[in-house]
Amino acid sequence: MEKQKIRNGSLLFLTSIIWGISFVAQTVGMDHVGPFTFTGVRCTLGGIVLLPYIAVTNRRKQQTEKAAEDKKKLVLGGILCGIILFLGTSFQQIGLMTTSAGKSGFITALYIVIVPVLGLFLKKKAGIKIWFSVGLSLAGLYLLCMKESLSIQKGDILLLICAFIFSIHILVIDHYTNHVDGVKMSCIQFFVCGLLGITAMFLMETPRAADILAAWKPILYSGALSCGIGYTLQIVGQKGMNPTVASLILSLESVNASIAGWLLLNQRLSSTEITGCVLVFAAIILAQLPNPKSIG
């Protein structure tokens, strides 16, 4: 069981790296296309990327009665996750248009607080150690992301709604991931999200093939890696994990975005930002340490 938790924690950490770099891709892509166009195209691409893997694994597996019983849960879980992902991504993309990158990263990461609060209503209690880790991580994210006063703007409210929606997304995944094939559910969620995005694209935007082609690099990264691989790793990695601990690990996307900017774009990290990174890492390590009673 401990080996599985280490493996799943590693998958979530890898997800946070992919998402951290994707933050840059999302911002760049919005220079060419609208938020619904970006969401619709990249999520559809994410679903297509998973089809070959599913086709290969299906040939190796024999159909069982258990698999047939879980089919309804698989479809329902995929549809629910797709709708939630579309709503969360849409609010995030629109919020990014009017809010600074630093503030958006901090507000979006507030799901680390919202997840355990919502978990209380679902009888998923978090101990004192986890709550302390959440507070420590929140302080670290504030030092890392916030470079201006915490004034409330329209985009901030949209991102706060986004954080709430992503919290629900984490909890829905936690509910279904132990009953269905994670990769298949991820594929369904992408096609549902992509369909909703493309529908909104034609209703609310004026998509042009030239603009989509101009944004092909960020769309390719966000679709193939952030969606196809990142969100799939999230679903697989969350299996058997405490959803609050999972949200803490995923919040490393803000840290990894800053580190990527430092390594790839020569963006310097101030002492305050470095302190923030250290606090977030410390919070995640603390959250995964065994309780004193379980030692020995």
Protein backbone atom coordinates (compact mmCIF):
# COMPACT_ATOMS: atom_id res chain seq x y z
CA MET A 1 0.00 0.00 0.00
CA GLU A 2 2.84 2.38 0.86
CA LYS A 3 4.52 1.61 -2.49
CA GLN A 4 1.27 2.47 -4.27
CA LYS A 5 1.01 5.79 -2.40
CA ILE A 6 4.61 6.66 -3.31
CA ARG A 7 3.93 5.73 -6.95
CA ASN A 8 0.68 7.70 -7.08
CA GLY A 9 2.28 10.67 -5.32
CA SER A 10 5.04 10.63 -7.95
CA LEU A 11 2.43 10.63 -10.74
CA LEU A 12 0.70 13.64 -9.18
CA PHE A 13 4.06 15.41 -8.81
CA LEU A 14 4.76 14.77 -12.52
CA THR A 15 1.29 16.16 -13.27
CA SER A 16 2.14 19.35 -11.38
CA ILE A 17 5.28 19.77 -13.50
CA ILE A 18 3.33 19.37 -16.75
CA TRP A 19 0.63 21.79 -15.56
CA GLY A 20 3.21 24.30 -14.35
CA ILE A 21 4.77 24.55 -17.80
CA SER A 22 1.32 24.51 -19.41
CA PHE A 23 0.45 27.75 -17.60
CA VAL A 24 2.81 29.54 -20.00
CA ALA A 25 1.31 27.73 -23.00
CA GLN A 26 -2.23 28.76 -22.03
CA THR A 27 -1.23 32.41 -21.76
CA VAL A 28 0.60 32.38 -25.11
CA GLY A 29 -2.24 30.54 -26.86
CA MET A 30 -4.72 33.23 -25.82
CA ASP A 31 -2.78 35.73 -27.95
CA HIS A 32 -4.20 34.01 -31.05
CA VAL A 33 -7.52 32.38 -30.18
CA GLY A 34 -10.43 32.86 -27.79
CA PRO A 35 -10.81 30.91 -24.54
CA PHE A 36 -13.49 28.53 -25.83
CA THR A 37 -11.57 27.84 -29.04
CA PHE A 38 -8.45 27.04 -27.04
CA THR A 39 -10.35 24.78 -24.61
CA GLY A 40 -12.36 22.99 -27.31
CA VAL A 41 -9.41 22.23 -29.59
CA ARG A 42 -6.93 21.24 -26.88
CA CYS A 43 -9.36 18.93 -25.03
CA THR A 44 -10.42 17.22 -28.25
CA LEU A 45 -6.73 16.70 -29.02
CA GLY A 46 -6.24 15.32 -25.51
CA GLY A 47 -8.94 12.70 -26.12
CA ILE A 48 -7.49 11.71 -29.50
CA VAL A 49 -4.03 11.24 -27.95
CA LEU A 50 -5.42 8.57 -25.57
CA LEU A 51 -7.27 6.51 -28.21
CA PRO A 52 -4.23 4.49 -29.44
CA TYR A 53 -3.29 3.56 -25.86
CA ILE A 54 -6.83 2.45 -25.07
CA ALA A 55 -7.01 0.43 -28.31
CA VAL A 56 -3.77 -1.41 -27.49
CA THR A 57 -4.70 -2.15 -23.86
CA ASN A 58 -8.19 -3.35 -24.85
CA ARG A 59 -6.61 -6.03 -27.05
CA ARG A 60 -4.64 -7.33 -24.08
CA LYS A 61 -7.55 -7.39 -21.66
CA GLN A 62 -10.40 -9.85 -21.75
CA GLN A 63 -13.90 -8.57 -21.08
CA THR A 64 -15.11 -9.55 -17.61
CA GLU A 65 -18.49 -9.28 -15.88
CA LYS A 66 -16.98 -6.73 -13.49
CA ALA A 67 -15.91 -4.56 -16.42
CA ALA A 68 -19.44 -4.70 -17.83
CA GLU A 69 -20.91 -3.69 -14.47
CA ASP A 70 -18.62 -0.67 -14.23
CA LYS A 71 -19.45 0.58 -17.73
CA LYS A 72 -22.25 2.86 -16.52
CA LYS A 73 -19.99 4.33 -13.83
CA LEU A 74 -17.27 4.84 -16.42
CA VAL A 75 -19.53 6.79 -18.78
CA LEU A 76 -21.20 8.76 -15.98
CA GLY A 77 -17.86 9.58 -14.35
CA GLY A 78 -16.37 10.65 -17.67
CA ILE A 79 -19.34 12.89 -18.54
CA LEU A 80 -19.39 14.52 -15.09
CA CYS A 81 -15.63 15.11 -15.13
CA GLY A 82 -15.87 16.50 -18.68
CA ILE A 83 -18.59 19.01 -17.76
CA ILE A 84 -16.73 20.08 -14.61
CA LEU A 85 -13.43 20.35 -16.48
CA PHE A 86 -15.06 22.51 -19.16
CA LEU A 87 -16.52 24.88 -16.57
CA GLY A 88 -13.29 25.13 -14.58
CA THR A 89 -11.07 25.59 -17.63
CA SER A 90 -13.41 28.18 -19.14
CA PHE A 91 -13.48 30.31 -15.98
CA GLN A 92 -9.69 30.01 -15.76
CA GLN A 93 -9.07 30.98 -19.38
CA ILE A 94 -11.40 33.99 -19.20
CA GLY A 95 -9.95 35.01 -15.83
CA LEU A 96 -6.43 34.93 -17.26
CA MET A 97 -7.43 37.66 -19.71
CA THR A 98 -7.92 40.26 -16.95
CA THR A 99 -5.72 39.04 -14.06
CA SER A 100 -1.94 38.87 -13.64
CA ALA A 101 -0.27 35.46 -13.92
CA GLY A 102 0.96 35.56 -10.32
CA LYS A 103 -2.41 36.38 -8.80
CA SER A 104 -4.21 33.86 -11.02
CA GLY A 105 -1.81 31.13 -9.93
CA PHE A 106 -2.46 31.88 -6.27
CA ILE A 107 -6.25 32.14 -6.54
CA THR A 108 -6.56 28.98 -8.64
CA ALA A 109 -4.46 27.09 -6.07
CA LEU A 110 -7.00 27.94 -3.37
CA TYR A 111 -8.51 24.52 -4.11
CA ILE A 112 -6.04 23.22 -1.49
CA VAL A 113 -8.29 24.89 1.10
CA ILE A 114 -11.63 24.26 -0.61
CA VAL A 115 -11.06 20.50 -1.06
CA PRO A 116 -10.78 19.64 2.67
CA VAL A 117 -13.67 21.99 3.49
CA LEU A 118 -15.94 20.29 0.94
CA GLY A 119 -14.59 16.95 2.15
CA LEU A 120 -16.13 17.60 5.56
CA PHE A 121 -19.58 17.46 3.97
CA LEU A 122 -18.65 14.13 2.32
CA LYS A 123 -17.35 12.64 5.59
CA LYS A 124 -13.74 12.83 4.37
CA LYS A 125 -12.16 14.36 7.44
CA ALA A 126 -8.61 15.74 7.47
CA GLY A 127 -6.46 15.58 10.60
CA ILE A 128 -4.69 18.49 12.30
CA LYS A 129 -1.46 17.67 10.47
CA ILE A 130 -3.19 17.95 7.08
CA TRP A 131 -4.88 21.25 8.00
CA PHE A 132 -1.53 22.64 9.18
CA SER A 133 0.03 21.53 5.88
CA VAL A 134 -2.76 23.28 3.98
CA GLY A 135 -2.13 26.53 5.89
CA LEU A 136 1.64 26.24 5.38
CA SER A 137 1.19 25.60 1.65
CA LEU A 138 -1.23 28.53 1.34
CA ALA A 139 1.32 30.86 2.98
CA GLY A 140 4.01 29.58 0.63
CA LEU A 141 1.84 30.09 -2.44
CA TYR A 142 1.07 33.64 -1.33
CA LEU A 143 4.80 34.46 -1.04
CA LEU A 144 5.49 32.80 -4.38
CA CYS A 145 2.64 34.17 -6.48
CA MET A 146 1.53 37.49 -5.06
CA LYS A 147 3.63 40.38 -6.34
CA GLU A 148 0.96 43.04 -5.97
CA SER A 149 -1.77 44.03 -3.53
CA LEU A 150 -4.57 41.53 -3.07
CA SER A 151 -7.30 43.73 -4.54
CA ILE A 152 -10.42 42.07 -5.92
CA GLN A 153 -11.09 42.42 -9.66
CA LYS A 154 -13.54 40.77 -12.04
CA GLY A 155 -10.98 38.23 -13.23
CA ASP A 156 -10.17 37.32 -9.62
CA ILE A 157 -13.80 36.37 -8.95
CA LEU A 158 -13.83 34.17 -12.06
CA LEU A 159 -10.65 32.43 -10.90
CA LEU A 160 -12.09 31.91 -7.43
CA ILE A 161 -15.08 30.18 -9.05
CA CYS A 162 -12.55 28.19 -11.09
CA ALA A 163 -10.78 27.07 -7.88
CA PHE A 164 -14.13 25.92 -6.43
CA ILE A 165 -14.95 23.98 -9.61
CA PHE A 166 -11.53 22.30 -9.71
CA SER A 167 -12.06 21.29 -6.07
CA ILE A 168 -15.25 19.51 -7.11
CA HIS A 169 -13.32 17.93 -9.99
CA ILE A 170 -10.77 16.46 -7.55
CA LEU A 171 -13.52 15.06 -5.31
CA VAL A 172 -15.48 13.58 -8.23
CA ILE A 173 -12.32 11.85 -9.45
CA ASP A 174 -11.75 10.57 -5.91
CA HIS A 175 -15.25 9.04 -5.98
CA TYR A 176 -14.98 7.28 -9.36
CA THR A 177 -11.31 6.41 -9.69
CA ASN A 178 -11.56 3.24 -7.56
CA HIS A 179 -14.39 1.84 -9.69
CA VAL A 180 -13.40 2.50 -13.31
CA ASP A 181 -10.47 2.51 -15.73
CA GLY A 182 -8.82 5.90 -15.17
CA VAL A 183 -7.46 6.29 -18.72
CA LYS A 184 -10.84 5.54 -20.31
CA MET A 185 -12.63 7.94 -17.97
CA SER A 186 -10.04 10.59 -18.79
CA CYS A 187 -10.59 10.06 -22.53
CA ILE A 188 -14.36 10.46 -22.14
CA GLN A 189 -13.95 13.64 -20.08
CA PHE A 190 -11.76 15.20 -22.78
CA PHE A 191 -14.20 14.51 -25.61
CA VAL A 192 -17.10 15.85 -23.50
CA CYS A 193 -15.10 18.95 -22.56
CA GLY A 194 -13.94 19.38 -26.16
CA LEU A 195 -17.50 19.09 -27.50
CA LEU A 196 -18.74 21.70 -25.04
CA GLY A 197 -15.80 23.96 -25.86
CA ILE A 198 -16.31 23.71 -29.62
CA THR A 199 -20.04 24.36 -29.22
CA ALA A 200 -19.32 27.49 -27.16
CA MET A 201 -16.64 28.45 -29.68
CA PHE A 202 -19.15 28.65 -32.55
CA LEU A 203 -21.81 30.33 -30.41
CA MET A 204 -19.65 32.98 -28.73
CA GLU A 205 -16.50 33.40 -30.83
CA THR A 206 -15.44 33.69 -34.46
CA PRO A 207 -12.90 30.89 -34.92
CA ARG A 208 -10.50 31.02 -37.86
CA ALA A 209 -8.27 28.21 -39.04
CA ALA A 210 -5.38 30.66 -39.48
CA ASP A 211 -5.58 31.71 -35.82
CA ILE A 212 -5.69 28.10 -34.61
CA LEU A 213 -2.65 27.27 -36.76
CA ALA A 214 -0.83 30.32 -35.36
CA ALA A 215 -1.37 28.88 -31.86
CA TRP A 216 -0.47 25.30 -32.79
CA LYS A 217 2.50 25.03 -30.42
CA PRO A 218 0.71 26.00 -27.17
CA ILE A 219 -2.40 24.05 -28.28
CA LEU A 220 -0.29 20.96 -29.01
CA TYR A 221 1.44 21.13 -25.63
CA SER A 222 -1.76 21.87 -23.72
CA GLY A 223 -3.69 19.20 -25.60
CA ALA A 224 -1.21 16.34 -25.80
CA LEU A 225 0.69 16.88 -22.54
CA SER A 226 -1.42 18.98 -20.17
CA CYS A 227 -4.70 17.26 -21.10
CA GLY A 228 -3.84 13.89 -22.64
CA ILE A 229 -1.06 13.03 -20.19
CA GLY A 230 -1.43 15.46 -17.27
CA TYR A 231 -5.12 15.02 -16.44
CA THR A 232 -4.84 11.27 -17.05
CA LEU A 233 -1.95 11.04 -14.60
CA GLN A 234 -4.11 12.98 -12.13
CA ILE A 235 -6.93 10.44 -12.37
CA VAL A 236 -4.59 7.45 -12.12
CA GLY A 237 -2.49 9.07 -9.37
CA GLN A 238 -5.47 10.01 -7.20
CA LYS A 239 -6.50 6.36 -6.80
CA GLY A 240 -6.25 5.51 -3.11
CA MET A 241 -4.92 8.97 -2.20
CA ASN A 242 -6.41 11.33 0.37
CA PRO A 243 -7.99 14.03 -1.86
CA THR A 244 -6.57 16.81 0.33
CA VAL A 245 -3.03 15.41 0.08
CA ALA A 246 -3.56 15.02 -3.68
CA SER A 247 -4.59 18.68 -3.95
CA LEU A 248 -1.46 19.72 -2.03
CA ILE A 249 0.79 17.84 -4.44
CA LEU A 250 -1.07 19.23 -7.46
CA SER A 251 -0.65 22.77 -6.08
CA LEU A 252 3.06 22.39 -6.87
CA GLU A 253 2.11 23.51 -10.38
CA SER A 254 2.59 27.11 -9.18
CA VAL A 255 6.06 26.27 -7.83
CA ASN A 256 7.01 24.37 -10.98
CA ALA A 257 5.76 27.22 -13.17
CA SER A 258 8.14 29.59 -11.35
CA ILE A 259 11.04 27.13 -11.54
CA ALA A 260 10.39 26.57 -15.26
CA GLY A 261 10.44 30.34 -15.82
CA TRP A 262 13.75 30.53 -13.96
CA LEU A 263 15.37 27.65 -15.89
CA LEU A 264 13.87 28.23 -19.35
CA LEU A 265 13.20 31.96 -19.48
CA ASN A 266 15.94 33.24 -17.14
CA GLN A 267 13.33 34.77 -14.85
CA ARG A 268 14.94 35.38 -11.47
CA LEU A 269 13.35 34.20 -8.25
CA SER A 270 13.48 36.64 -5.34
CA SER A 271 14.29 35.52 -1.80
CA THR A 272 10.58 35.84 -0.96
CA GLU A 273 9.60 33.57 -3.86
CA ILE A 274 12.27 31.01 -2.90
CA THR A 275 10.92 31.03 0.66
CA GLY A 276 7.45 30.40 -0.76
CA CYS A 277 8.72 27.40 -2.76
CA VAL A 278 10.39 25.96 0.35
CA LEU A 279 7.21 26.34 2.41
CA VAL A 280 5.08 24.56 -0.21
CA PHE A 281 7.55 21.68 -0.48
CA ALA A 282 7.71 21.44 3.32
CA ALA A 283 3.91 21.35 3.54
CA ILE A 284 3.69 18.47 1.07
CA ILE A 285 6.40 16.46 2.82
CA LEU A 286 4.70 17.05 6.19
CA ALA A 287 1.31 15.96 4.85
CA GLN A 288 2.72 12.61 3.72
CA LEU A 289 4.74 11.79 6.84
CA PRO A 290 3.23 8.87 8.80
CA ASN A 291 1.40 9.67 12.01
CA PRO A 292 3.34 8.87 15.21
CA LYS A 293 0.91 6.07 16.09
CA SER A 294 1.53 4.33 12.76
CA ILE A 295 5.31 4.37 13.10
CA GLY A 296 6.77 1.06 14.15
